[in-house]
Amino acid sequence: MANYNIKLVQGATDEVTKEKPKQSKVRTTLTTELTVKDIERMKARAGLRGKYTREQVINAYLKTMLNEY
Protein backbone atom coordinates (compact mmCIF):
# COMPACT_ATOMS: atom_id res chain seq x y z
CA MET A 1 0.00 0.00 0.00
CA ALA A 2 1.44 3.37 -0.99
CA ASN A 3 1.50 6.44 1.28
CA TYR A 4 0.89 9.80 -0.33
CA ASN A 5 1.85 13.08 1.28
CA ILE A 6 -0.63 15.74 0.20
CA LYS A 7 -0.25 19.38 1.14
CA LEU A 8 -3.36 21.55 0.83
CA VAL A 9 -3.15 25.11 -0.32
CA GLN A 10 -4.08 27.59 2.42
CA GLY A 11 -7.58 28.95 1.81
CA ALA A 12 -8.67 26.02 -0.37
CA THR A 13 -12.33 25.01 -0.16
CA ASP A 14 -11.45 21.54 1.15
CA GLU A 15 -9.12 22.83 3.87
CA VAL A 16 -10.00 21.56 7.34
CA THR A 17 -10.65 24.30 9.87
CA LYS A 18 -11.02 23.93 13.63
CA GLU A 19 -14.30 25.25 14.95
CA LYS A 20 -15.73 25.42 18.45
CA PRO A 21 -17.87 22.42 19.34
CA LYS A 22 -21.54 23.24 18.88
CA GLN A 23 -22.61 21.58 22.11
CA SER A 24 -20.08 22.39 24.78
CA LYS A 25 -20.75 21.28 28.32
CA VAL A 26 -21.82 23.83 30.90
CA ARG A 27 -21.65 23.05 34.60
CA THR A 28 -24.69 24.24 36.54
CA THR A 29 -25.92 23.99 40.09
CA LEU A 30 -29.60 23.39 40.70
CA THR A 31 -31.29 23.91 44.02
CA THR A 32 -34.60 22.07 44.19
CA GLU A 33 -36.66 20.20 46.69
CA LEU A 34 -37.71 16.73 45.63
CA THR A 35 -39.53 14.11 47.62
CA VAL A 36 -38.23 10.58 47.98
CA LYS A 37 -41.16 9.46 45.82
CA ASP A 38 -40.09 11.89 43.07
CA ILE A 39 -36.53 10.56 43.16
CA GLU A 40 -37.81 6.97 42.92
CA ARG A 41 -39.99 7.88 39.93
CA MET A 42 -37.05 9.60 38.24
CA LYS A 43 -34.91 6.54 38.89
CA ALA A 44 -37.52 4.26 37.33
CA ARG A 45 -38.02 6.53 34.29
CA ALA A 46 -34.24 6.63 33.74
CA GLY A 47 -34.14 2.82 33.84
CA LEU A 48 -31.78 2.64 36.80
CA ARG A 49 -31.68 -0.37 39.10
CA GLY A 50 -29.69 -0.70 42.26
CA LYS A 51 -28.15 1.90 44.53
CA TYR A 52 -27.36 5.35 43.11
CA THR A 53 -26.79 8.77 44.62
CA ARG A 54 -29.44 11.46 44.16
CA GLU A 55 -27.15 13.35 41.81
CA GLN A 56 -26.64 10.27 39.62
CA VAL A 57 -30.40 9.67 39.47
CA ILE A 58 -31.13 13.28 38.49
CA ASN A 59 -28.38 13.34 35.83
CA ALA A 60 -29.54 10.04 34.33
CA TYR A 61 -33.16 11.22 34.35
CA LEU A 62 -32.29 14.48 32.59
CA LYS A 63 -30.23 12.69 29.93
CA THR A 64 -33.02 10.17 29.36
CA MET A 65 -35.71 12.83 29.04
CA LEU A 66 -33.63 15.05 26.75
CA ASN A 67 -32.91 12.12 24.42
CA GLU A 68 -36.54 11.01 24.45
CA TYR A 69 -37.97 14.25 23.07
C-alpha atoms as a PDB file:
ATOM      1  CA  MET A   1       0.000   0.000   0.000  1.00  0.00           C
ATOM      2  CA  ALA A   2       1.439   3.371  -0.990  1.00  0.00           C
ATOM      3  CA  ASN A   3       1.500   6.436   1.276  1.00  0.00           C
ATOM      4  CA  TYR A   4       0.885   9.796  -0.332  1.00  0.00           C
ATOM      5  CA  ASN A   5       1.849  13.079   1.276  1.00  0.00           C
ATOM      6  CA  ILE A   6      -0.626  15.736   0.199  1.00  0.00           C
ATOM      7  CA  LYS A   7      -0.248  19.379   1.138  1.00  0.00           C
ATOM      8  CA  LEU A   8      -3.355  21.547   0.833  1.00  0.00           C
ATOM      9  CA  VAL A   9      -3.150  25.114  -0.318  1.00  0.00           C
ATOM     10  CA  GLN A  10      -4.085  27.589   2.416  1.00  0.00           C
ATOM     11  CA  GLY A  11      -7.581  28.950   1.815  1.00  0.00           C
ATOM     12  CA  ALA A  12      -8.672  26.023  -0.368  1.00  0.00           C
ATOM     13  CA  THR A  13     -12.328  25.013  -0.156  1.00  0.00           C
ATOM     14  CA  ASP A  14     -11.450  21.537   1.154  1.00  0.00           C
ATOM     15  CA  GLU A  15      -9.121  22.833   3.875  1.00  0.00           C
ATOM     16  CA  VAL A  16     -10.001  21.556   7.341  1.00  0.00           C
ATOM     17  CA  THR A  17     -10.649  24.302   9.871  1.00  0.00           C
ATOM     18  CA  LYS A  18     -11.025  23.932  13.628  1.00  0.00           C
ATOM     19  CA  GLU A  19     -14.303  25.254  14.949  1.00  0.00           C
ATOM     20  CA  LYS A  20     -15.730  25.416  18.446  1.00  0.00           C
ATOM     21  CA  PRO A  21     -17.874  22.420  19.343  1.00  0.00           C
ATOM     22  CA  LYS A  22     -21.538  23.241  18.877  1.00  0.00           C
ATOM     23  CA  GLN A  23     -22.612  21.584  22.106  1.00  0.00           C
ATOM     24  CA  SER A  24     -20.079  22.390  24.782  1.00  0.00           C
ATOM     25  CA  LYS A  25     -20.753  21.279  28.321  1.00  0.00           C
ATOM     26  CA  VAL A  26     -21.818  23.828  30.901  1.00  0.00           C
ATOM     27  CA  ARG A  27     -21.650  23.054  34.604  1.00  0.00           C
ATOM     28  CA  THR A  28     -24.691  24.243  36.537  1.00  0.00           C
ATOM     29  CA  THR A  29     -25.924  23.989  40.089  1.00  0.00           C
ATOM     30  CA  LEU A  30     -29.602  23.389  40.695  1.00  0.00           C
ATOM     31  CA  THR A  31     -31.285  23.912  44.021  1.00  0.00           C
ATOM     32  CA  THR A  32     -34.600  22.068  44.188  1.00  0.00           C
ATOM     33  CA  GLU A  33     -36.664  20.197  46.691  1.00  0.00           C
ATOM     34  CA  LEU A  34     -37.706  16.727  45.626  1.00  0.00           C
ATOM     35  CA  THR A  35     -39.530  14.114  47.623  1.00  0.00           C
ATOM     36  CA  VAL A  36     -38.232  10.580  47.982  1.00  0.00           C
ATOM     37  CA  LYS A  37     -41.155   9.460  45.818  1.00  0.00           C
ATOM     38  CA  ASP A  38     -40.095  11.895  43.066  1.00  0.00           C
ATOM     39  CA  ILE A  39     -36.530  10.559  43.159  1.00  0.00           C
ATOM     40  CA  GLU A  40     -37.808   6.973  42.923  1.00  0.00           C
ATOM     41  CA  ARG A  41     -39.994   7.883  39.926  1.00  0.00           C
ATOM     42  CA  MET A  42     -37.053   9.597  38.238  1.00  0.00           C
ATOM     43  CA  LYS A  43     -34.906   6.542  38.891  1.00  0.00           C
ATOM     44  CA  ALA A  44     -37.523   4.264  37.327  1.00  0.00           C
ATOM     45  CA  ARG A  45     -38.017   6.527  34.288  1.00  0.00           C
ATOM     46  CA  ALA A  46     -34.242   6.635  33.744  1.00  0.00           C
ATOM     47  CA  GLY A  47     -34.143   2.823  33.844  1.00  0.00           C
ATOM     48  CA  LEU A  48     -31.775   2.637  36.800  1.00  0.00           C
ATOM     49  CA  ARG A  49     -31.684  -0.368  39.096  1.00  0.00           C
ATOM     50  CA  GLY A  50     -29.686  -0.704  42.264  1.00  0.00           C
ATOM     51  CA  LYS A  51     -28.153   1.896  44.529  1.00  0.00           C
ATOM     52  CA  TYR A  52     -27.362   5.347  43.112  1.00  0.00           C
ATOM     53  CA  THR A  53     -26.791   8.773  44.621  1.00  0.00           C
ATOM     54  CA  ARG A  54     -29.444  11.460  44.159  1.00  0.00           C
ATOM     55  CA  GLU A  55     -27.145  13.353  41.813  1.00  0.00           C
ATOM     56  CA  GLN A  56     -26.637  10.270  39.625  1.00  0.00           C
ATOM     57  CA  VAL A  57     -30.398   9.670  39.471  1.00  0.00           C
ATOM     58  CA  ILE A  58     -31.130  13.284  38.492  1.00  0.00           C
ATOM     59  CA  ASN A  59     -28.380  13.344  35.829  1.00  0.00           C
ATOM     60  CA  ALA A  60     -29.545  10.038  34.328  1.00  0.00           C
ATOM     61  CA  TYR A  61     -33.160  11.221  34.353  1.00  0.00           C
ATOM     62  CA  LEU A  62     -32.288  14.481  32.589  1.00  0.00           C
ATOM     63  CA  LYS A  63     -30.230  12.693  29.930  1.00  0.00           C
ATOM     64  CA  THR A  64     -33.016  10.170  29.364  1.00  0.00           C
ATOM     65  CA  MET A  65     -35.713  12.829  29.044  1.00  0.00           C
ATOM     66  CA  LEU A  66     -33.629  15.048  26.749  1.00  0.00           C
ATOM     67  CA  ASN A  67     -32.913  12.119  24.422  1.00  0.00           C
ATOM     68  CA  GLU A  68     -36.544  11.010  24.452  1.00  0.00           C
ATOM     69  CA  TYR A  69     -37.965  14.253  23.075  1.00  0.00           C
END
